[in-house]
Amino acid sequence: MASAGGVGWPPEPQRRYGAQPGSGPHGEPSGLGWPRRPPDLTRGEVRGAGADEEREALSQAGEHAGDAAPARVRRALSAAVSRETSPDGPATGAERRQEDEVAGAGPVAGHPSGVDGARLMTADRPVSAAEAALAALGGSEQLWPRPQSCRRITIANQKGGVGKTTTAVNLAASLALHGARVLVIDLDPQGNASTALDVEHRAGTRSVYNVLIEDEALASIVRPVTEIPGLSCAPATIDLAGAEIELVPLVAREARLSRALSDYDSAELDYIFIDCPPSLGLLTVNALVAAAEVLIPIQCEYYALEGLEQLLRTIDLVRSHLNPTLYVSTILLTMYDGRTRLASQVAEEVRDHFGDVVLSTVIPRSVRVSEAPSYGQSVMTYDPGSSGAQAYLEAAREVADRAAQLGRLG
């Protein structure tokens, strides 16, 4: 394994693109695998890892991906255009699902796997989304090893679009489906984790902002995730966007979240995942101070590697001055595209440099993973048979197994 003293990415330009310069038909690098035109998802055309599986799923679902957007997508677009909110307040999760069913656009009418995101009726009782997901994922191994004490894991990478929120939500859902008790703390002002878990986070909702700035108890804002027992979420609102500035004059500004977690009764929890914003500001520093472990999602592309050295340097600074127990416990390779040499080269370089810290599972590009939040679900309950769900399931199993190994070593 390469020395940990540097990032160790290949310096020569040709290694960045997986081919020698000028090897393409017109002098451009070969092996890029760029499509000549963007994929047309409404016609069932999907590219990337697991494409055959997802093309088949899309063809079974017909034209619903283009013609029948979920009701929450239409509402979000309407709200963005009009800048108005309903005087009656937002619809609850159950109301949203009812609207979807009436419109013929929700999980009942258009769900690619045929699994209703709310309830499936059997002969004698309704089956929850969690139970349906477990059945699709293989219900024979429903319980995984649980850690001896609660693990606090910050999911961080200052580059946007590498899969931080997707990883936080789907790892948390996978672990909760298999017996763990999990809390997701949404520390991103965009509130995407709150959206994916169907937890209310409109402006004015009591949220992590109130915990950090007003010293409100964390327990007062934590909300259960309706469809997955054992999973809860501390939501984020757009108010957090101003927290970076408001934290500056406060005492112990870097440890506000850590103090809130210390006052929170986590004895009944197995995991706390903290989803960070795409920056290295005070919110991310608060997350690093509050956790013992860091999980870094790395997109299998060259640009995703350029900022990694800065992130590792920030982690070292936090460990030196604020949180001596902090360490990088897990690296997860995301958005893997098996058609390109670049993806395999990035994966190889990361594994050579970081060794066993990198999970053996890689997360492929998956249409279903992107669609799931529009139904207020993780991909684990939205389409548990998809390639993305299966990959996150295996990644979560590795996280759980590592917790068991640490317990035995301790």
Protein backbone atom coordinates (compact mmCIF):
# COMPACT_ATOMS: atom_id res chain seq x y z
CA MET A 1 0.00 0.00 0.00
CA ALA A 2 1.25 3.46 -0.84
CA SER A 3 2.52 5.77 1.87
CA ALA A 4 -0.15 7.73 3.72
CA GLY A 5 1.96 10.85 3.54
CA GLY A 6 0.38 12.02 0.29
CA VAL A 7 -2.72 11.48 -1.72
CA GLY A 8 -0.80 9.40 -4.22
CA TRP A 9 -2.93 10.03 -7.29
CA PRO A 10 -1.27 9.39 -10.66
CA PRO A 11 0.61 12.56 -11.72
CA GLU A 12 0.80 11.86 -15.43
CA PRO A 13 -2.13 13.33 -17.43
CA GLN A 14 -2.73 10.18 -19.47
CA ARG A 15 -3.50 8.17 -16.32
CA ARG A 16 -6.32 10.57 -15.52
CA TYR A 17 -8.31 9.49 -18.52
CA GLY A 18 -7.46 5.80 -18.69
CA ALA A 19 -5.75 6.05 -22.12
CA GLN A 20 -2.73 7.51 -23.86
CA PRO A 21 -3.29 10.98 -25.38
CA GLY A 22 -4.32 10.90 -28.98
CA SER A 23 -5.42 7.29 -29.00
CA GLY A 24 -8.96 8.09 -30.12
CA PRO A 25 -10.05 8.35 -33.75
CA HIS A 26 -9.70 12.15 -33.77
CA GLY A 27 -6.78 12.50 -31.38
CA GLU A 28 -8.93 12.57 -28.26
CA PRO A 29 -8.37 10.14 -25.36
CA SER A 30 -10.07 6.79 -25.92
CA GLY A 31 -11.94 4.82 -23.28
CA LEU A 32 -13.99 7.79 -22.12
CA GLY A 33 -17.26 6.07 -22.85
CA TRP A 34 -19.15 9.33 -23.34
CA PRO A 35 -22.58 8.81 -24.89
CA ARG A 36 -23.21 10.59 -28.20
CA ARG A 37 -26.52 11.81 -26.84
CA PRO A 38 -28.03 11.87 -23.34
CA PRO A 39 -30.03 8.79 -22.33
CA ASP A 40 -33.76 9.02 -22.82
CA LEU A 41 -35.21 7.61 -19.61
CA THR A 42 -38.79 8.04 -20.78
CA ARG A 43 -38.07 5.46 -23.50
CA GLY A 44 -36.52 3.00 -21.05
CA GLU A 45 -32.91 3.76 -22.03
CA VAL A 46 -30.52 3.44 -19.09
CA ARG A 47 -26.75 3.40 -19.18
CA GLY A 48 -24.16 2.24 -16.67
CA ALA A 49 -23.73 -0.61 -14.22
CA GLY A 50 -26.86 -2.75 -13.86
CA ALA A 51 -28.29 -1.27 -17.06
CA ASP A 52 -29.97 -4.47 -18.25
CA GLU A 53 -31.79 -4.87 -14.96
CA GLU A 54 -32.97 -1.28 -14.91
CA ARG A 55 -33.98 -1.24 -18.59
CA GLU A 56 -36.18 -4.24 -17.91
CA ALA A 57 -37.70 -2.54 -14.86
CA LEU A 58 -38.39 0.62 -16.83
CA SER A 59 -39.97 -1.30 -19.70
CA GLN A 60 -42.24 -3.10 -17.26
CA ALA A 61 -43.30 0.23 -15.79
CA GLY A 62 -44.08 1.66 -19.25
CA GLU A 63 -43.82 5.37 -19.84
CA HIS A 64 -44.47 6.37 -16.21
CA ALA A 65 -41.00 7.87 -15.75
CA GLY A 66 -41.81 10.65 -18.19
CA ASP A 67 -45.59 10.90 -18.10
CA ALA A 68 -46.53 10.39 -14.47
CA ALA A 69 -44.22 12.23 -12.14
CA PRO A 70 -44.98 11.70 -8.45
CA ALA A 71 -47.31 14.23 -6.88
CA ARG A 72 -44.57 15.51 -4.56
CA VAL A 73 -42.47 16.39 -7.64
CA ARG A 74 -45.32 18.40 -9.10
CA ARG A 75 -45.86 20.15 -5.77
CA ALA A 76 -42.17 20.96 -5.39
CA LEU A 77 -42.05 22.45 -8.87
CA SER A 78 -45.22 24.42 -8.25
CA ALA A 79 -43.88 25.79 -4.97
CA ALA A 80 -40.58 26.76 -6.61
CA VAL A 81 -42.39 28.67 -9.35
CA SER A 82 -45.06 30.37 -7.26
CA ARG A 83 -43.01 30.87 -4.07
CA GLU A 84 -46.22 30.24 -2.16
CA THR A 85 -47.15 27.64 0.45
CA SER A 86 -50.50 26.10 1.19
CA PRO A 87 -52.42 27.89 3.96
CA ASP A 88 -53.29 24.50 5.39
CA GLY A 89 -49.63 23.53 5.72
CA PRO A 90 -47.80 20.67 4.08
CA ALA A 91 -49.47 17.36 3.52
CA THR A 92 -48.49 14.50 5.77
CA GLY A 93 -46.76 11.45 4.39
CA ALA A 94 -50.05 9.52 4.35
CA GLU A 95 -51.85 12.36 2.55
CA ARG A 96 -49.08 12.54 -0.03
CA ARG A 97 -49.33 8.83 -0.71
CA GLN A 98 -53.12 9.12 -1.02
CA GLU A 99 -52.70 11.94 -3.54
CA ASP A 100 -50.24 9.84 -5.50
CA GLU A 101 -52.65 6.92 -5.64
CA VAL A 102 -55.58 9.09 -6.73
CA ALA A 103 -53.43 10.72 -9.41
CA GLY A 104 -52.32 7.32 -10.63
CA ALA A 105 -48.72 8.45 -10.35
CA GLY A 106 -47.59 7.13 -6.96
CA PRO A 107 -45.84 3.96 -6.00
CA VAL A 108 -49.05 1.94 -6.35
CA ALA A 109 -49.63 2.84 -9.99
CA GLY A 110 -46.11 3.33 -11.26
CA HIS A 111 -43.73 1.64 -8.88
CA PRO A 112 -41.15 -0.24 -10.95
CA SER A 113 -40.91 -3.18 -8.56
CA GLY A 114 -44.63 -3.42 -7.89
CA VAL A 115 -44.02 -2.62 -4.20
CA ASP A 116 -46.28 0.02 -2.69
CA GLY A 117 -44.20 2.53 -0.78
CA ALA A 118 -46.97 2.85 1.82
CA ARG A 119 -48.77 -0.46 2.31
CA LEU A 120 -49.33 -3.75 0.55
CA MET A 121 -52.51 -5.67 1.41
CA THR A 122 -52.34 -9.37 2.10
CA ALA A 123 -55.28 -11.62 2.80
CA ASP A 124 -55.38 -10.75 6.50
CA ARG A 125 -53.38 -7.57 7.17
CA PRO A 126 -51.42 -4.75 5.55
CA VAL A 127 -47.71 -5.30 4.97
CA SER A 128 -45.47 -2.35 5.68
CA ALA A 129 -42.91 -1.00 3.23
CA ALA A 130 -40.19 -2.22 5.57
CA GLU A 131 -41.57 -5.77 5.54
CA ALA A 132 -41.97 -5.72 1.77
CA ALA A 133 -38.41 -4.48 1.38
CA LEU A 134 -37.08 -7.17 3.69
CA ALA A 135 -38.89 -9.83 1.70
CA ALA A 136 -37.35 -8.51 -1.53
CA LEU A 137 -33.91 -8.22 0.05
CA GLY A 138 -34.04 -11.74 1.50
CA GLY A 139 -35.84 -11.96 4.82
CA SER A 140 -33.87 -14.96 6.08
CA GLU A 141 -31.13 -12.72 7.46
CA GLN A 142 -33.20 -9.98 9.03
CA LEU A 143 -30.92 -9.27 12.02
CA TRP A 144 -27.32 -8.16 11.63
CA PRO A 145 -24.64 -7.80 14.35
CA ARG A 146 -25.08 -4.68 16.43
CA PRO A 147 -22.23 -2.63 17.92
CA GLN A 148 -21.58 -2.78 21.65
CA SER A 149 -22.05 0.98 21.89
CA CYS A 150 -23.45 3.69 19.66
CA ARG A 151 -21.23 4.53 16.68
CA ARG A 152 -21.16 8.20 15.64
CA ILE A 153 -20.28 8.43 11.96
CA THR A 154 -19.89 11.69 10.04
CA ILE A 155 -20.34 11.40 6.28
CA ALA A 156 -18.24 14.14 4.73
CA ASN A 157 -16.72 15.29 1.47
CA GLN A 158 -16.54 18.94 0.52
CA LYS A 159 -17.23 18.12 -3.13
CA GLY A 160 -20.91 18.12 -3.99
CA GLY A 161 -22.66 15.36 -5.85
CA VAL A 162 -20.54 12.44 -4.63
CA GLY A 163 -23.36 10.69 -2.80
CA LYS A 164 -23.09 11.88 0.82
CA THR A 165 -26.82 12.18 1.46
CA THR A 166 -27.68 9.12 -0.61
CA THR A 167 -25.13 7.12 1.37
CA ALA A 168 -26.34 8.40 4.74
CA VAL A 169 -29.99 7.66 4.00
CA ASN A 170 -29.55 4.24 2.43
CA LEU A 171 -26.99 2.93 4.90
CA ALA A 172 -29.24 4.07 7.74
CA ALA A 173 -32.31 2.47 6.15
CA SER A 174 -30.47 -0.80 5.46
CA LEU A 175 -29.21 -1.06 9.03
CA ALA A 176 -32.60 -0.19 10.51
CA LEU A 177 -34.32 -2.79 8.33
CA HIS A 178 -31.99 -5.39 9.84
CA GLY A 179 -32.56 -4.64 13.49
CA ALA A 180 -30.36 -1.61 14.25
CA ARG A 181 -31.63 1.60 15.84
CA VAL A 182 -30.39 4.52 13.79
CA LEU A 183 -30.53 8.32 13.94
CA VAL A 184 -29.74 10.48 10.90
CA ILE A 185 -28.77 14.08 11.67
CA ASP A 186 -29.28 16.27 8.62
CA LEU A 187 -26.68 19.04 8.77
CA ASP A 188 -27.10 20.22 5.16
CA PRO A 189 -29.22 23.38 4.69
CA GLN A 190 -30.69 21.82 1.54
CA GLY A 191 -32.38 19.22 3.74
CA ASN A 192 -32.09 16.42 1.20
CA ALA A 193 -31.76 13.69 3.83
CA SER A 194 -34.95 14.98 5.47
CA THR A 195 -36.69 14.84 2.09
CA ALA A 196 -35.56 11.30 1.39
CA LEU A 197 -36.81 10.14 4.80
CA ASP A 198 -40.11 12.02 4.42
CA VAL A 199 -39.54 14.16 7.52
CA GLU A 200 -41.03 17.66 7.57
CA HIS A 201 -38.39 20.37 7.04
CA ARG A 202 -40.10 23.42 5.58
CA ALA A 203 -38.91 26.84 6.74
CA GLY A 204 -39.95 27.50 10.33
CA THR A 205 -39.85 23.86 11.40
CA ARG A 206 -37.87 23.24 14.58
CA SER A 207 -34.65 21.75 13.30
CA VAL A 208 -30.91 21.29 13.83
CA TYR A 209 -30.61 25.06 13.41
CA ASN A 210 -32.43 25.58 16.72
CA VAL A 211 -30.16 23.04 18.38
CA LEU A 212 -26.96 24.73 17.20
CA ILE A 213 -27.94 28.38 17.58
CA GLU A 214 -30.59 28.41 20.32
CA ASP A 215 -29.37 25.49 22.46
CA GLU A 216 -32.60 23.58 21.99
CA ALA A 217 -32.50 19.96 23.08
CA LEU A 218 -31.78 17.55 20.25
CA ALA A 219 -34.49 15.17 21.50
CA SER A 220 -37.14 17.81 20.88
CA ILE A 221 -36.56 17.88 17.11
CA VAL A 222 -35.92 14.19 16.37
CA ARG A 223 -38.74 12.64 14.34
CA PRO A 224 -39.36 8.95 13.59
CA VAL A 225 -39.31 7.74 9.99
CA THR A 226 -42.80 6.36 9.50
CA GLU A 227 -42.09 3.51 7.12
CA ILE A 228 -38.97 2.09 8.79
CA PRO A 229 -39.14 1.14 12.49
CA GLY A 230 -35.98 1.96 14.40
CA LEU A 231 -35.00 4.85 12.11
CA SER A 232 -35.35 8.51 13.09
CA CYS A 233 -34.15 11.84 11.71
CA ALA A 234 -33.17 15.26 13.05
CA PRO A 235 -34.25 17.47 10.14
CA ALA A 236 -32.49 20.44 8.57
CA THR A 237 -34.17 23.57 7.20
CA ILE A 238 -32.99 26.40 5.02
CA ASP A 239 -32.34 28.35 8.25
CA LEU A 240 -29.08 26.42 8.52
CA ALA A 241 -27.75 28.42 5.58
CA GLY A 242 -27.20 31.34 7.94
CA ALA A 243 -25.83 29.24 10.76
CA GLU A 244 -22.26 29.45 9.43
CA ILE A 245 -22.28 33.20 10.16
CA GLU A 246 -24.35 33.00 13.36
CA LEU A 247 -22.00 30.42 14.86
CA VAL A 248 -18.95 32.68 14.57
CA PRO A 249 -19.46 34.77 17.75
CA LEU A 250 -20.75 31.88 19.86
CA VAL A 251 -18.68 30.26 22.60
CA ALA A 252 -17.22 26.86 21.64
CA ARG A 253 -18.73 27.26 18.18
CA GLU A 254 -17.02 24.11 16.86
CA ALA A 255 -18.48 21.90 19.60
CA ARG A 256 -22.15 22.93 19.57
CA LEU A 257 -23.34 19.69 17.98
CA SER A 258 -21.05 17.61 20.16
CA ARG A 259 -22.53 19.17 23.29
CA ALA A 260 -26.07 18.56 22.02
CA LEU A 261 -25.26 14.90 21.38
CA SER A 262 -23.70 14.56 24.82
CA ASP A 263 -27.00 15.72 26.34
CA TYR A 264 -28.98 13.37 24.10
CA ASP A 265 -29.79 9.89 25.40
CA SER A 266 -28.19 7.66 22.79
CA ALA A 267 -28.08 4.54 24.96
CA GLU A 268 -30.82 2.94 22.85
CA LEU A 269 -29.12 3.79 19.54
CA ASP A 270 -26.67 1.71 17.54
CA TYR A 271 -25.67 4.27 14.89
CA ILE A 272 -25.76 8.04 14.46
CA PHE A 273 -25.09 9.22 10.90
CA ILE A 274 -24.35 12.93 10.40
CA ASP A 275 -24.92 14.14 6.84
CA CYS A 276 -22.67 17.14 6.07
CA PRO A 277 -23.04 19.99 3.58
CA PRO A 278 -20.66 20.12 0.59
CA SER A 279 -18.16 22.44 2.28
CA LEU A 280 -15.53 22.53 5.00
CA GLY A 281 -17.16 25.30 7.02
CA LEU A 282 -18.30 25.40 10.64
CA LEU A 283 -21.18 22.98 10.07
CA THR A 284 -18.83 20.30 8.79
CA VAL A 285 -16.34 21.04 11.57
CA ASN A 286 -19.17 20.62 14.10
CA ALA A 287 -19.94 17.23 12.56
CA LEU A 288 -16.29 16.17 12.74
CA VAL A 289 -15.99 17.23 16.39
CA ALA A 290 -19.21 15.40 17.30
CA ALA A 291 -18.26 12.03 15.76
CA ALA A 292 -15.64 9.37 16.37
CA GLU A 293 -15.58 8.11 12.77
CA VAL A 294 -15.58 9.63 9.30
CA LEU A 295 -17.08 7.91 6.27
CA ILE A 296 -15.93 9.44 2.98
CA PRO A 297 -17.92 8.73 -0.19
CA ILE A 298 -15.67 9.06 -3.24
CA GLN A 299 -17.12 9.33 -6.72
CA CYS A 300 -15.19 7.18 -9.19
CA GLU A 301 -14.04 10.15 -11.27
CA TYR A 302 -10.85 12.20 -11.29
CA TYR A 303 -12.35 15.48 -10.10
CA ALA A 304 -13.68 13.76 -7.00
CA LEU A 305 -10.10 12.99 -5.97
CA GLU A 306 -8.66 16.48 -6.27
CA GLY A 307 -10.25 17.79 -3.07
CA LEU A 308 -9.64 14.66 -1.02
CA GLU A 309 -6.26 15.83 0.26
CA GLN A 310 -7.84 19.02 1.61
CA LEU A 311 -10.53 16.98 3.40
CA LEU A 312 -7.92 14.70 4.98
CA ARG A 313 -5.92 17.73 6.07
CA THR A 314 -9.03 19.20 7.73
CA ILE A 315 -9.67 15.90 9.52
CA ASP A 316 -6.06 15.92 10.79
CA LEU A 317 -6.48 19.47 12.10
CA VAL A 318 -9.69 18.57 13.91
CA ARG A 319 -8.03 15.51 15.40
CA SER A 320 -5.02 17.55 16.53
CA HIS A 321 -6.94 20.41 18.15
CA LEU A 322 -10.57 19.46 18.82
CA ASN A 323 -11.28 15.72 18.67
CA PRO A 324 -8.32 13.39 19.27
CA THR A 325 -10.46 10.24 18.80
CA LEU A 326 -11.51 11.11 15.25
CA TYR A 327 -10.37 8.80 12.46
CA VAL A 328 -11.35 7.79 8.92
CA SER A 329 -13.02 4.42 9.42
CA THR A 330 -14.68 3.90 6.04
CA ILE A 331 -14.33 4.95 2.41
CA LEU A 332 -17.11 4.07 -0.02
CA LEU A 333 -16.70 4.21 -3.80
CA THR A 334 -19.85 5.61 -5.40
CA MET A 335 -21.27 6.20 -8.90
CA TYR A 336 -19.12 3.45 -10.35
CA ASP A 337 -19.43 3.10 -14.12
CA GLY A 338 -17.96 -0.20 -15.20
CA ARG A 339 -17.82 0.85 -18.87
CA THR A 340 -14.90 3.21 -18.29
CA ARG A 341 -11.28 2.52 -17.48
CA LEU A 342 -11.25 5.66 -15.38
CA ALA A 343 -13.67 4.24 -12.83
CA SER A 344 -11.64 1.07 -12.34
CA GLN A 345 -8.40 3.05 -12.18
CA VAL A 346 -9.78 5.42 -9.55
CA ALA A 347 -11.05 2.45 -7.53
CA GLU A 348 -7.65 0.75 -7.80
CA GLU A 349 -5.74 3.87 -6.74
CA VAL A 350 -8.03 4.47 -3.75
CA ARG A 351 -7.72 0.85 -2.62
CA ASP A 352 -3.92 0.91 -3.02
CA HIS A 353 -3.64 4.10 -0.99
CA PHE A 354 -6.17 3.44 1.81
CA GLY A 355 -6.18 -0.35 1.98
CA ASP A 356 -8.78 -2.05 4.16
CA VAL A 357 -10.49 1.24 5.01
CA VAL A 358 -12.20 1.03 1.60
CA LEU A 359 -15.34 -1.12 1.54
CA SER A 360 -15.18 -3.97 -0.96
CA THR A 361 -18.66 -3.00 -2.21
CA VAL A 362 -18.89 -0.28 -4.86
CA ILE A 363 -22.09 1.65 -5.56
CA PRO A 364 -23.04 1.71 -9.26
CA ARG A 365 -24.89 4.49 -10.98
CA SER A 366 -28.58 3.71 -10.56
CA VAL A 367 -31.71 5.43 -11.82
CA ARG A 368 -33.73 4.03 -8.93
CA VAL A 369 -31.47 5.65 -6.33
CA SER A 370 -32.20 9.04 -7.92
CA GLU A 371 -35.93 8.42 -8.18
CA ALA A 372 -36.52 7.26 -4.61
CA PRO A 373 -36.45 10.69 -2.84
CA SER A 374 -39.27 11.96 -5.06
CA TYR A 375 -41.48 9.41 -3.29
CA GLY A 376 -40.13 10.31 0.16
CA GLN A 377 -38.29 7.01 0.44
CA SER A 378 -34.86 5.48 0.45
CA VAL A 379 -34.12 3.13 -2.43
CA MET A 380 -34.28 0.28 0.08
CA THR A 381 -38.07 0.56 0.29
CA TYR A 382 -38.69 2.19 -3.11
CA ASP A 383 -37.12 -0.56 -5.22
CA PRO A 384 -35.24 -3.10 -3.07
CA GLY A 385 -34.50 -5.26 -6.11
CA SER A 386 -32.57 -2.57 -7.99
CA SER A 387 -28.82 -2.63 -8.42
CA GLY A 388 -28.43 0.48 -6.23
CA ALA A 389 -30.44 -1.01 -3.36
CA GLN A 390 -28.53 -4.28 -3.48
CA ALA A 391 -25.20 -2.42 -3.48
CA TYR A 392 -26.13 -0.26 -0.48
CA LEU A 393 -27.41 -3.38 1.27
CA GLU A 394 -24.00 -5.04 0.89
CA ALA A 395 -22.19 -1.86 1.96
CA ALA A 396 -24.34 -1.64 5.10
CA ARG A 397 -23.68 -5.31 5.83
CA GLU A 398 -19.94 -4.58 5.70
CA VAL A 399 -20.39 -1.65 8.10
CA ALA A 400 -22.32 -3.91 10.51
CA ASP A 401 -19.77 -6.71 10.26
CA ARG A 402 -16.94 -4.28 10.97
CA ALA A 403 -18.77 -3.13 14.09
CA ALA A 404 -18.96 -6.74 15.25
CA GLN A 405 -15.24 -7.24 14.58
CA LEU A 406 -14.36 -4.11 16.54
CA GLY A 407 -16.48 -5.41 19.42
CA ARG A 408 -14.62 -8.73 19.44
CA LEU A 409 -11.25 -6.98 19.31
CA GLY A 410 -12.29 -4.65 22.14
